[in-house]
Amino acid sequence: MRKPSFLIAASLLGFIPVMSSCSSSSQTKDTTPVMSLTPAPIVIDVRSASEFAEGHVQGAINLDIENGAFQAKLSSLDKSVGYALYCRSGRRSAIAAELMATAGFTEVRDLGALETAAQSLGLPIITE
């Protein structure tokens, strides 16, 4: 007899509990990592290339707002995903966030300064 396909899929994904010979205690903590259903934002560093090279949030892309790189790339960015912006002090990232809002982006977070952004995102600052 064949199992219905949803049971097979559910068991593969761990949705059906499996009986175990081990006894469990009510004081046992679940250490299973929790996955976020919210996709991580695309992180944009709007500082200059030299500032970016000195240290940036891991995974960030560099689109300098002062040399026009940010503005040139803005129209090709996907408006359906989230973005997190930062700079050195928060001035340039605030300008970039305003430009994105004006262009119709709805998921934009201005994280301010580099250190604050790294802390908010839980990511390290790296150099290349």
N, C-alpha and C. Protein backbone atom coordinates (compact mmCIF):
# COMPACT_ATOMS: atom_id res chain seq x y z
N MET A 1 0.85 -1.19 0.00
CA MET A 1 0.00 0.00 0.00
C MET A 1 0.88 1.24 0.00
N ARG A 2 0.59 2.18 -0.86
CA ARG A 2 1.39 3.40 -0.97
C ARG A 2 0.93 4.43 0.05
N LYS A 3 1.90 5.15 0.62
CA LYS A 3 1.57 6.25 1.52
C LYS A 3 1.14 7.43 0.68
N PRO A 4 0.18 8.21 1.15
CA PRO A 4 -0.14 9.44 0.41
C PRO A 4 1.09 10.32 0.33
N SER A 5 1.25 11.03 -0.79
CA SER A 5 2.46 11.82 -1.03
C SER A 5 2.69 12.89 0.03
N PHE A 6 1.63 13.43 0.62
CA PHE A 6 1.86 14.46 1.63
C PHE A 6 2.50 13.86 2.88
N LEU A 7 2.22 12.58 3.19
CA LEU A 7 2.86 11.94 4.33
C LEU A 7 4.34 11.71 4.08
N ILE A 8 4.67 11.34 2.86
CA ILE A 8 6.07 11.14 2.52
C ILE A 8 6.81 12.46 2.63
N ALA A 9 6.25 13.51 2.04
CA ALA A 9 6.90 14.83 2.09
C ALA A 9 7.00 15.32 3.53
N ALA A 10 5.94 15.14 4.30
CA ALA A 10 5.96 15.60 5.69
C ALA A 10 7.00 14.86 6.50
N SER A 11 7.13 13.56 6.27
CA SER A 11 8.12 12.82 7.04
C SER A 11 9.53 13.19 6.63
N LEU A 12 9.75 13.48 5.35
CA LEU A 12 11.06 13.91 4.90
C LEU A 12 11.43 15.27 5.48
N LEU A 13 10.47 16.12 5.67
CA LEU A 13 10.71 17.45 6.20
C LEU A 13 10.67 17.49 7.72
N GLY A 14 10.39 16.36 8.34
CA GLY A 14 10.42 16.31 9.79
C GLY A 14 9.15 16.78 10.47
N PHE A 15 8.04 16.81 9.75
CA PHE A 15 6.80 17.28 10.35
C PHE A 15 6.07 16.18 11.11
N ILE A 16 6.38 14.92 10.83
CA ILE A 16 5.73 13.82 11.54
C ILE A 16 6.70 13.33 12.61
N PRO A 17 6.27 13.35 13.87
CA PRO A 17 7.18 12.92 14.92
C PRO A 17 7.53 11.44 14.76
N VAL A 18 8.76 11.12 15.05
CA VAL A 18 9.22 9.75 14.99
C VAL A 18 9.34 9.24 16.41
N MET A 19 8.81 8.04 16.67
CA MET A 19 8.88 7.46 18.00
C MET A 19 10.31 7.02 18.28
N SER A 20 10.76 7.23 19.49
CA SER A 20 12.11 6.88 19.88
C SER A 20 12.05 6.07 21.16
N SER A 21 13.05 5.20 21.34
CA SER A 21 13.10 4.42 22.56
C SER A 21 13.66 5.22 23.72
N CYS A 22 14.19 6.41 23.45
CA CYS A 22 14.74 7.26 24.50
C CYS A 22 13.60 7.96 25.22
N SER A 23 13.71 8.04 26.50
CA SER A 23 12.69 8.77 27.24
C SER A 23 13.06 10.24 27.24
N SER A 24 12.08 11.08 27.30
CA SER A 24 12.36 12.51 27.30
C SER A 24 11.93 13.10 28.64
N SER A 25 12.61 14.13 29.01
CA SER A 25 12.33 14.80 30.26
C SER A 25 11.69 16.14 29.94
N SER A 26 10.83 16.60 30.81
CA SER A 26 10.20 17.89 30.59
C SER A 26 11.20 19.03 30.74
N GLN A 27 12.40 18.72 31.27
CA GLN A 27 13.41 19.74 31.44
C GLN A 27 14.42 19.77 30.31
N THR A 28 14.24 18.92 29.30
CA THR A 28 15.14 18.90 28.16
C THR A 28 14.85 20.12 27.29
N LYS A 29 15.90 20.83 26.91
CA LYS A 29 15.72 22.01 26.07
C LYS A 29 15.84 21.62 24.60
N ASP A 30 15.02 22.19 23.76
CA ASP A 30 15.10 21.97 22.33
C ASP A 30 16.22 22.84 21.78
N THR A 31 17.21 22.22 21.19
CA THR A 31 18.35 22.97 20.64
C THR A 31 18.29 23.06 19.13
N THR A 32 17.15 22.73 18.55
CA THR A 32 16.99 22.82 17.11
C THR A 32 17.02 24.28 16.69
N PRO A 33 17.89 24.64 15.72
CA PRO A 33 17.91 26.03 15.29
C PRO A 33 16.60 26.41 14.61
N VAL A 34 16.19 27.63 14.83
CA VAL A 34 14.96 28.14 14.23
C VAL A 34 15.33 28.89 12.96
N MET A 35 14.71 28.52 11.85
CA MET A 35 14.96 29.22 10.59
C MET A 35 14.01 30.42 10.50
N SER A 36 14.53 31.50 10.02
CA SER A 36 13.71 32.67 9.79
C SER A 36 13.00 32.53 8.45
N LEU A 37 11.74 32.87 8.43
CA LEU A 37 11.00 32.83 7.17
C LEU A 37 11.15 34.14 6.41
N THR A 38 11.71 35.14 7.06
CA THR A 38 11.94 36.42 6.42
C THR A 38 13.32 36.39 5.76
N PRO A 39 13.38 36.61 4.45
CA PRO A 39 14.69 36.58 3.80
C PRO A 39 15.56 37.74 4.29
N ALA A 40 16.85 37.48 4.36
CA ALA A 40 17.79 38.52 4.77
C ALA A 40 17.78 39.65 3.75
N PRO A 41 17.93 40.88 4.23
CA PRO A 41 17.96 41.99 3.28
C PRO A 41 19.28 42.01 2.51
N ILE A 42 19.25 42.67 1.38
CA ILE A 42 20.48 42.94 0.64
C ILE A 42 21.11 44.13 1.34
N VAL A 43 22.35 43.98 1.74
CA VAL A 43 23.04 45.01 2.51
C VAL A 43 23.87 45.86 1.56
N ILE A 44 23.64 47.17 1.60
CA ILE A 44 24.34 48.11 0.73
C ILE A 44 25.12 49.11 1.57
N ASP A 45 26.41 49.18 1.30
CA ASP A 45 27.31 50.15 1.91
C ASP A 45 27.41 51.30 0.91
N VAL A 46 26.96 52.49 1.29
CA VAL A 46 26.93 53.62 0.35
C VAL A 46 28.15 54.52 0.49
N ARG A 47 29.20 54.04 1.15
CA ARG A 47 30.43 54.81 1.31
C ARG A 47 31.32 54.67 0.07
N SER A 48 32.44 55.35 0.08
CA SER A 48 33.39 55.28 -1.04
C SER A 48 34.06 53.91 -1.08
N ALA A 49 34.67 53.59 -2.21
CA ALA A 49 35.38 52.31 -2.36
C ALA A 49 36.53 52.19 -1.36
N SER A 50 37.22 53.28 -1.09
CA SER A 50 38.33 53.21 -0.13
C SER A 50 37.82 52.97 1.29
N GLU A 51 36.71 53.59 1.66
CA GLU A 51 36.11 53.34 2.98
C GLU A 51 35.64 51.88 3.08
N PHE A 52 35.04 51.39 2.02
CA PHE A 52 34.56 50.01 1.96
C PHE A 52 35.72 49.04 2.17
N ALA A 53 36.85 49.31 1.51
CA ALA A 53 38.03 48.44 1.61
C ALA A 53 38.61 48.42 3.02
N GLU A 54 38.45 49.51 3.75
CA GLU A 54 38.97 49.59 5.13
C GLU A 54 38.19 48.71 6.09
N GLY A 55 36.96 48.39 5.75
CA GLY A 55 36.12 47.54 6.58
C GLY A 55 34.66 47.73 6.22
N HIS A 56 33.96 46.62 6.07
CA HIS A 56 32.54 46.66 5.72
C HIS A 56 31.83 45.45 6.31
N VAL A 57 30.52 45.50 6.35
CA VAL A 57 29.72 44.39 6.86
C VAL A 57 29.87 43.22 5.88
N GLN A 58 30.10 42.04 6.43
CA GLN A 58 30.24 40.85 5.60
C GLN A 58 29.01 40.68 4.69
N GLY A 59 29.25 40.50 3.40
CA GLY A 59 28.17 40.29 2.44
C GLY A 59 27.62 41.56 1.82
N ALA A 60 28.08 42.72 2.29
CA ALA A 60 27.58 43.99 1.75
C ALA A 60 28.12 44.24 0.36
N ILE A 61 27.31 44.96 -0.43
CA ILE A 61 27.79 45.43 -1.72
C ILE A 61 28.05 46.92 -1.59
N ASN A 62 29.00 47.41 -2.36
CA ASN A 62 29.39 48.81 -2.28
C ASN A 62 28.82 49.59 -3.45
N LEU A 63 27.94 50.54 -3.14
CA LEU A 63 27.39 51.45 -4.14
C LEU A 63 27.54 52.87 -3.60
N ASP A 64 28.62 53.51 -3.96
CA ASP A 64 28.96 54.84 -3.46
C ASP A 64 27.90 55.85 -3.90
N ILE A 65 27.28 56.50 -2.93
CA ILE A 65 26.24 57.48 -3.25
C ILE A 65 26.84 58.80 -3.72
N GLU A 66 28.07 59.10 -3.32
CA GLU A 66 28.66 60.39 -3.68
C GLU A 66 29.30 60.41 -5.06
N ASN A 67 29.64 59.24 -5.62
CA ASN A 67 30.22 59.25 -6.97
C ASN A 67 29.20 58.85 -8.03
N GLY A 68 27.95 58.64 -7.65
CA GLY A 68 26.89 58.33 -8.60
C GLY A 68 26.64 56.85 -8.83
N ALA A 69 27.46 55.98 -8.26
CA ALA A 69 27.28 54.53 -8.45
C ALA A 69 25.92 54.06 -7.92
N PHE A 70 25.52 54.59 -6.78
CA PHE A 70 24.24 54.21 -6.19
C PHE A 70 23.09 54.61 -7.11
N GLN A 71 23.10 55.86 -7.54
CA GLN A 71 22.04 56.36 -8.40
C GLN A 71 21.99 55.61 -9.73
N ALA A 72 23.15 55.27 -10.27
CA ALA A 72 23.21 54.55 -11.55
C ALA A 72 22.62 53.14 -11.42
N LYS A 73 22.80 52.52 -10.29
CA LYS A 73 22.35 51.14 -10.08
C LYS A 73 20.91 51.07 -9.58
N LEU A 74 20.39 52.15 -9.05
CA LEU A 74 19.07 52.17 -8.40
C LEU A 74 17.96 51.58 -9.27
N SER A 75 17.90 51.95 -10.54
CA SER A 75 16.81 51.49 -11.40
C SER A 75 16.87 50.00 -11.69
N SER A 76 18.04 49.39 -11.51
CA SER A 76 18.15 47.95 -11.79
C SER A 76 17.98 47.08 -10.54
N LEU A 77 17.80 47.69 -9.38
CA LEU A 77 17.60 46.93 -8.15
C LEU A 77 16.16 46.40 -8.08
N ASP A 78 16.00 45.22 -7.52
CA ASP A 78 14.70 44.57 -7.39
C ASP A 78 13.90 45.21 -6.26
N LYS A 79 12.75 45.77 -6.59
CA LYS A 79 11.92 46.45 -5.59
C LYS A 79 11.15 45.49 -4.70
N SER A 80 11.17 44.20 -5.03
CA SER A 80 10.40 43.24 -4.24
C SER A 80 11.20 42.62 -3.09
N VAL A 81 12.46 42.99 -2.95
CA VAL A 81 13.27 42.46 -1.85
C VAL A 81 13.59 43.57 -0.86
N GLY A 82 14.07 43.17 0.31
CA GLY A 82 14.42 44.15 1.34
C GLY A 82 15.86 44.60 1.23
N TYR A 83 16.12 45.82 1.68
CA TYR A 83 17.46 46.39 1.64
C TYR A 83 17.79 47.00 3.00
N ALA A 84 19.05 46.88 3.38
CA ALA A 84 19.57 47.52 4.59
C ALA A 84 20.75 48.38 4.15
N LEU A 85 20.73 49.65 4.51
CA LEU A 85 21.74 50.60 4.08
C LEU A 85 22.55 51.11 5.27
N TYR A 86 23.83 51.39 5.02
CA TYR A 86 24.64 52.02 6.05
C TYR A 86 25.77 52.82 5.41
N CYS A 87 26.41 53.66 6.22
CA CYS A 87 27.56 54.45 5.79
C CYS A 87 28.47 54.65 7.00
N ARG A 88 29.15 55.76 7.09
CA ARG A 88 30.03 55.99 8.24
C ARG A 88 29.26 56.58 9.43
N SER A 89 28.41 57.56 9.16
CA SER A 89 27.72 58.22 10.26
C SER A 89 26.20 58.12 10.19
N GLY A 90 25.67 57.78 9.03
CA GLY A 90 24.22 57.71 8.86
C GLY A 90 23.68 58.78 7.93
N ARG A 91 24.47 59.79 7.61
CA ARG A 91 24.00 60.86 6.72
C ARG A 91 23.76 60.34 5.31
N ARG A 92 24.75 59.67 4.72
CA ARG A 92 24.62 59.19 3.34
C ARG A 92 23.59 58.06 3.23
N SER A 93 23.52 57.21 4.23
CA SER A 93 22.54 56.12 4.17
C SER A 93 21.12 56.67 4.26
N ALA A 94 20.93 57.75 5.00
CA ALA A 94 19.60 58.39 5.08
C ALA A 94 19.22 58.97 3.72
N ILE A 95 20.16 59.57 3.03
CA ILE A 95 19.91 60.11 1.69
C ILE A 95 19.55 58.97 0.74
N ALA A 96 20.32 57.88 0.80
CA ALA A 96 20.08 56.73 -0.07
C ALA A 96 18.70 56.11 0.21
N ALA A 97 18.34 56.00 1.48
CA ALA A 97 17.04 55.44 1.85
C ALA A 97 15.91 56.31 1.31
N GLU A 98 16.08 57.61 1.37
CA GLU A 98 15.07 58.53 0.83
C GLU A 98 14.95 58.38 -0.68
N LEU A 99 16.07 58.25 -1.37
CA LEU A 99 16.05 58.04 -2.82
C LEU A 99 15.31 56.75 -3.17
N MET A 100 15.57 55.70 -2.39
CA MET A 100 14.91 54.42 -2.65
C MET A 100 13.40 54.52 -2.39
N ALA A 101 13.01 55.19 -1.32
CA ALA A 101 11.59 55.35 -1.02
C ALA A 101 10.89 56.14 -2.13
N THR A 102 11.53 57.18 -2.60
CA THR A 102 10.98 57.99 -3.68
C THR A 102 10.84 57.17 -4.96
N ALA A 103 11.76 56.23 -5.18
CA ALA A 103 11.74 55.38 -6.38
C ALA A 103 10.76 54.21 -6.26
N GLY A 104 10.09 54.07 -5.09
CA GLY A 104 9.07 53.04 -4.94
C GLY A 104 9.49 51.79 -4.18
N PHE A 105 10.66 51.80 -3.57
CA PHE A 105 11.09 50.67 -2.74
C PHE A 105 10.34 50.75 -1.42
N THR A 106 9.83 49.62 -0.97
CA THR A 106 9.04 49.63 0.26
C THR A 106 9.74 48.97 1.44
N GLU A 107 10.73 48.13 1.20
CA GLU A 107 11.44 47.41 2.26
C GLU A 107 12.86 47.95 2.38
N VAL A 108 13.01 49.15 2.94
CA VAL A 108 14.32 49.78 3.07
C VAL A 108 14.53 50.16 4.52
N ARG A 109 15.68 49.72 5.07
CA ARG A 109 16.03 50.10 6.44
C ARG A 109 17.35 50.85 6.42
N ASP A 110 17.36 52.02 7.01
CA ASP A 110 18.58 52.79 7.16
C ASP A 110 19.18 52.38 8.51
N LEU A 111 20.32 51.70 8.46
CA LEU A 111 20.95 51.22 9.69
C LEU A 111 21.96 52.20 10.27
N GLY A 112 22.18 53.32 9.59
CA GLY A 112 23.09 54.33 10.11
C GLY A 112 24.55 53.99 9.88
N ALA A 113 25.33 54.02 10.95
CA ALA A 113 26.78 53.82 10.88
C ALA A 113 27.16 52.35 10.73
N LEU A 114 28.38 52.13 10.26
CA LEU A 114 28.92 50.79 10.02
C LEU A 114 28.78 49.87 11.23
N GLU A 115 29.25 50.30 12.38
CA GLU A 115 29.22 49.47 13.58
C GLU A 115 27.79 49.14 14.00
N THR A 116 26.91 50.09 13.90
CA THR A 116 25.50 49.88 14.24
C THR A 116 24.88 48.88 13.28
N ALA A 117 25.21 48.99 12.00
CA ALA A 117 24.69 48.08 10.99
C ALA A 117 25.15 46.65 11.26
N ALA A 118 26.44 46.49 11.55
CA ALA A 118 26.98 45.16 11.82
C ALA A 118 26.29 44.54 13.03
N GLN A 119 26.10 45.34 14.06
CA GLN A 119 25.44 44.85 15.27
C GLN A 119 23.98 44.50 14.98
N SER A 120 23.26 45.35 14.28
CA SER A 120 21.85 45.12 13.97
C SER A 120 21.66 43.87 13.13
N LEU A 121 22.56 43.63 12.21
CA LEU A 121 22.47 42.49 11.31
C LEU A 121 23.09 41.22 11.89
N GLY A 122 23.86 41.37 12.96
CA GLY A 122 24.53 40.23 13.54
C GLY A 122 25.63 39.68 12.65
N LEU A 123 26.27 40.57 11.90
CA LEU A 123 27.32 40.18 10.96
C LEU A 123 28.64 40.86 11.32
N PRO A 124 29.76 40.23 11.01
CA PRO A 124 31.05 40.83 11.32
C PRO A 124 31.44 41.92 10.33
N ILE A 125 32.35 42.77 10.76
CA ILE A 125 32.97 43.75 9.88
C ILE A 125 34.24 43.09 9.36
N ILE A 126 34.40 43.09 8.05
CA ILE A 126 35.56 42.43 7.43
C ILE A 126 36.29 43.41 6.52
N THR A 127 37.52 43.06 6.17
CA THR A 127 38.29 43.82 5.18
C THR A 127 38.67 42.86 4.06
N GLU A 128 38.92 43.41 2.91
CA GLU A 128 39.31 42.57 1.77
C GLU A 128 40.71 42.87 1.33
